[in-house]
Amino acid sequence: MSLLSFNRLRTEAQLEMLMHVGVLLVECKRGNRTMRLFFLHRYYVEVIASSETGKVIRISAFEDIKRIEPYLHEIDLSSLI
C-alpha cells in the first residue's frame, strides 16, 4: 500500500493495517501522551494517543527519515549486539 493510499484510509482502517502489517519500532511516553513509531511498507507511521484514555490523537505517515530522529535514542538495540 502506498503512502497516499494509507493516508486516504479512515483512522480505524489505518490502525488495523498497522496492527496486522506494521512493524512497531518504538513506543515512548511523554507527559500524558504515548507515541508509537511503526514501519509500514516503505514509510513510517507515527501514532500519538492519550496515555490516560488510549484515544488516538493523530496518525502521521511520512517517508522523511529526519522525522524519526526524536525516536532514535528510545530504540533498544541491545538484542542486536
N, C-alpha and C. Protein backbone atom coordinates (compact mmCIF):
# COMPACT_ATOMS: atom_id res chain seq x y z
N MET A 1 0.85 -1.18 0.00
CA MET A 1 0.00 0.00 0.00
C MET A 1 0.89 1.24 0.00
N SER A 2 0.56 2.17 -0.85
CA SER A 2 1.35 3.40 -0.94
C SER A 2 1.04 4.33 0.23
N LEU A 3 1.93 5.27 0.44
CA LEU A 3 1.74 6.29 1.47
C LEU A 3 0.45 7.06 1.23
N LEU A 4 0.20 7.44 0.01
CA LEU A 4 -1.00 8.18 -0.33
C LEU A 4 -2.26 7.36 -0.04
N SER A 5 -2.24 6.09 -0.40
CA SER A 5 -3.39 5.22 -0.13
C SER A 5 -3.62 5.06 1.36
N PHE A 6 -2.54 4.91 2.13
CA PHE A 6 -2.67 4.79 3.58
C PHE A 6 -3.30 6.05 4.16
N ASN A 7 -2.85 7.20 3.71
CA ASN A 7 -3.38 8.47 4.23
C ASN A 7 -4.85 8.66 3.90
N ARG A 8 -5.34 8.02 2.87
CA ARG A 8 -6.75 8.15 2.48
C ARG A 8 -7.68 7.26 3.32
N LEU A 9 -7.11 6.30 4.04
CA LEU A 9 -7.93 5.40 4.86
C LEU A 9 -8.51 6.13 6.06
N ARG A 10 -9.62 5.62 6.56
CA ARG A 10 -10.17 6.12 7.82
C ARG A 10 -9.23 5.72 8.95
N THR A 11 -9.30 6.43 10.05
CA THR A 11 -8.43 6.17 11.19
C THR A 11 -8.49 4.71 11.64
N GLU A 12 -9.68 4.15 11.72
CA GLU A 12 -9.84 2.76 12.17
C GLU A 12 -9.12 1.79 11.24
N ALA A 13 -9.22 2.04 9.93
CA ALA A 13 -8.55 1.19 8.95
C ALA A 13 -7.04 1.35 9.01
N GLN A 14 -6.58 2.57 9.25
CA GLN A 14 -5.14 2.79 9.41
C GLN A 14 -4.60 2.00 10.60
N LEU A 15 -5.31 2.06 11.72
CA LEU A 15 -4.87 1.34 12.92
C LEU A 15 -4.88 -0.16 12.70
N GLU A 16 -5.89 -0.65 12.03
CA GLU A 16 -5.95 -2.08 11.75
C GLU A 16 -4.78 -2.51 10.86
N MET A 17 -4.47 -1.73 9.86
CA MET A 17 -3.35 -2.02 8.98
C MET A 17 -2.04 -2.06 9.78
N LEU A 18 -1.87 -1.10 10.67
CA LEU A 18 -0.65 -1.06 11.48
C LEU A 18 -0.54 -2.28 12.39
N MET A 19 -1.64 -2.70 12.99
CA MET A 19 -1.61 -3.83 13.91
C MET A 19 -1.32 -5.15 13.19
N HIS A 20 -1.74 -5.28 11.94
CA HIS A 20 -1.58 -6.55 11.22
C HIS A 20 -0.32 -6.59 10.35
N VAL A 21 0.07 -5.46 9.81
CA VAL A 21 1.16 -5.45 8.84
C VAL A 21 2.35 -4.60 9.30
N GLY A 22 2.09 -3.59 10.10
CA GLY A 22 3.15 -2.68 10.52
C GLY A 22 4.12 -3.32 11.51
N VAL A 23 5.32 -2.79 11.54
CA VAL A 23 6.34 -3.22 12.49
C VAL A 23 6.54 -2.11 13.50
N LEU A 24 6.24 -2.39 14.77
CA LEU A 24 6.43 -1.39 15.82
C LEU A 24 7.92 -1.25 16.08
N LEU A 25 8.44 -0.05 15.86
CA LEU A 25 9.86 0.21 16.08
C LEU A 25 10.14 0.68 17.49
N VAL A 26 9.27 1.53 18.00
CA VAL A 26 9.50 2.08 19.34
C VAL A 26 8.20 2.66 19.88
N GLU A 27 8.07 2.60 21.20
CA GLU A 27 6.95 3.23 21.90
C GLU A 27 7.54 4.01 23.06
N CYS A 28 7.11 5.25 23.21
CA CYS A 28 7.60 6.06 24.33
C CYS A 28 6.47 6.94 24.85
N LYS A 29 6.63 7.33 26.10
CA LYS A 29 5.64 8.20 26.74
C LYS A 29 6.28 9.53 27.05
N ARG A 30 5.55 10.57 26.74
CA ARG A 30 5.98 11.94 27.05
C ARG A 30 4.78 12.67 27.61
N GLY A 31 4.86 12.99 28.88
CA GLY A 31 3.72 13.64 29.53
C GLY A 31 2.53 12.72 29.52
N ASN A 32 1.41 13.20 29.07
CA ASN A 32 0.20 12.38 29.03
C ASN A 32 -0.06 11.79 27.64
N ARG A 33 1.01 11.66 26.85
CA ARG A 33 0.87 11.11 25.50
C ARG A 33 1.77 9.88 25.31
N THR A 34 1.24 8.92 24.59
CA THR A 34 2.01 7.75 24.18
C THR A 34 2.25 7.86 22.69
N MET A 35 3.50 7.71 22.29
CA MET A 35 3.85 7.82 20.88
C MET A 35 4.44 6.50 20.41
N ARG A 36 3.93 6.03 19.29
CA ARG A 36 4.42 4.79 18.69
C ARG A 36 4.88 5.09 17.27
N LEU A 37 6.03 4.53 16.93
CA LEU A 37 6.57 4.67 15.60
C LEU A 37 6.58 3.30 14.94
N PHE A 38 5.91 3.20 13.79
CA PHE A 38 5.82 1.96 13.03
C PHE A 38 6.54 2.13 11.70
N PHE A 39 6.97 0.99 11.15
CA PHE A 39 7.44 0.95 9.77
C PHE A 39 6.42 0.13 9.00
N LEU A 40 5.96 0.67 7.89
CA LEU A 40 4.92 0.01 7.09
C LEU A 40 5.29 0.16 5.62
N HIS A 41 5.57 -0.97 4.99
CA HIS A 41 5.98 -0.98 3.59
C HIS A 41 7.26 -0.16 3.41
N ARG A 42 7.17 1.01 2.86
CA ARG A 42 8.38 1.84 2.64
C ARG A 42 8.29 3.20 3.32
N TYR A 43 7.50 3.29 4.35
CA TYR A 43 7.35 4.57 5.03
C TYR A 43 7.13 4.33 6.53
N TYR A 44 7.15 5.41 7.28
CA TYR A 44 6.98 5.37 8.73
C TYR A 44 5.61 5.94 9.09
N VAL A 45 5.08 5.47 10.21
CA VAL A 45 3.80 5.98 10.70
C VAL A 45 3.94 6.26 12.18
N GLU A 46 3.63 7.49 12.57
CA GLU A 46 3.65 7.90 13.97
C GLU A 46 2.21 7.95 14.47
N VAL A 47 1.96 7.28 15.58
CA VAL A 47 0.64 7.30 16.20
C VAL A 47 0.80 7.94 17.57
N ILE A 48 0.08 9.01 17.80
CA ILE A 48 0.09 9.69 19.09
C ILE A 48 -1.27 9.49 19.73
N ALA A 49 -1.26 9.00 20.98
CA ALA A 49 -2.50 8.72 21.69
C ALA A 49 -2.41 9.26 23.12
N SER A 50 -3.55 9.45 23.72
CA SER A 50 -3.62 9.85 25.12
C SER A 50 -3.22 8.67 25.98
N SER A 51 -2.28 8.88 26.90
CA SER A 51 -1.88 7.82 27.82
C SER A 51 -3.00 7.48 28.80
N GLU A 52 -3.85 8.44 29.07
CA GLU A 52 -4.93 8.24 30.04
C GLU A 52 -6.11 7.48 29.45
N THR A 53 -6.50 7.83 28.23
CA THR A 53 -7.70 7.24 27.64
C THR A 53 -7.40 6.23 26.52
N GLY A 54 -6.19 6.31 25.96
CA GLY A 54 -5.85 5.45 24.83
C GLY A 54 -6.39 5.97 23.50
N LYS A 55 -7.12 7.06 23.54
CA LYS A 55 -7.71 7.62 22.32
C LYS A 55 -6.62 8.18 21.41
N VAL A 56 -6.71 7.83 20.13
CA VAL A 56 -5.74 8.31 19.15
C VAL A 56 -5.97 9.79 18.90
N ILE A 57 -4.90 10.54 19.02
CA ILE A 57 -4.94 11.98 18.79
C ILE A 57 -4.56 12.31 17.35
N ARG A 58 -3.52 11.58 16.85
CA ARG A 58 -3.06 11.87 15.49
C ARG A 58 -2.32 10.66 14.92
N ILE A 59 -2.50 10.45 13.64
CA ILE A 59 -1.72 9.47 12.89
C ILE A 59 -1.06 10.22 11.75
N SER A 60 0.24 10.07 11.66
CA SER A 60 1.00 10.79 10.65
C SER A 60 1.93 9.82 9.92
N ALA A 61 1.76 9.68 8.62
CA ALA A 61 2.61 8.80 7.81
C ALA A 61 3.57 9.67 7.00
N PHE A 62 4.82 9.21 6.91
CA PHE A 62 5.84 10.01 6.24
C PHE A 62 6.99 9.13 5.75
N GLU A 63 7.75 9.66 4.82
CA GLU A 63 8.93 8.98 4.28
C GLU A 63 10.23 9.63 4.72
N ASP A 64 10.16 10.87 5.17
CA ASP A 64 11.36 11.64 5.53
C ASP A 64 12.00 11.05 6.79
N ILE A 65 13.15 10.45 6.63
CA ILE A 65 13.82 9.78 7.74
C ILE A 65 14.22 10.75 8.85
N LYS A 66 14.35 12.02 8.54
CA LYS A 66 14.71 13.01 9.56
C LYS A 66 13.65 13.08 10.66
N ARG A 67 12.42 12.72 10.34
CA ARG A 67 11.34 12.81 11.33
C ARG A 67 11.41 11.70 12.37
N ILE A 68 12.27 10.69 12.16
CA ILE A 68 12.39 9.64 13.19
C ILE A 68 13.48 9.96 14.21
N GLU A 69 14.25 11.02 13.97
CA GLU A 69 15.35 11.37 14.87
C GLU A 69 14.94 11.46 16.34
N PRO A 70 13.79 12.04 16.69
CA PRO A 70 13.42 12.11 18.11
C PRO A 70 13.25 10.73 18.76
N TYR A 71 13.06 9.70 17.96
CA TYR A 71 12.86 8.35 18.48
C TYR A 71 14.15 7.54 18.61
N LEU A 72 15.21 7.96 17.97
CA LEU A 72 16.41 7.14 17.87
C LEU A 72 16.99 6.77 19.23
N HIS A 73 16.98 7.68 20.18
CA HIS A 73 17.54 7.36 21.50
C HIS A 73 16.65 6.42 22.31
N GLU A 74 15.43 6.20 21.85
CA GLU A 74 14.48 5.32 22.54
C GLU A 74 14.55 3.87 22.07
N ILE A 75 15.17 3.63 20.92
CA ILE A 75 15.19 2.29 20.34
C ILE A 75 16.23 1.43 21.05
N ASP A 76 15.80 0.28 21.56
CA ASP A 76 16.68 -0.66 22.27
C ASP A 76 17.37 -1.56 21.25
N LEU A 77 18.67 -1.40 21.13
CA LEU A 77 19.45 -2.20 20.17
C LEU A 77 20.22 -3.32 20.86
N SER A 78 20.03 -3.50 22.17
CA SER A 78 20.82 -4.48 22.91
C SER A 78 20.64 -5.90 22.39
N SER A 79 19.49 -6.21 21.87
CA SER A 79 19.27 -7.57 21.35
C SER A 79 20.02 -7.82 20.04
N LEU A 80 20.52 -6.75 19.43
CA LEU A 80 21.24 -6.89 18.17
C LEU A 80 22.75 -7.07 18.39
N ILE A 81 23.20 -6.86 19.61
CA ILE A 81 24.64 -6.93 19.89
C ILE A 81 25.04 -8.36 20.24
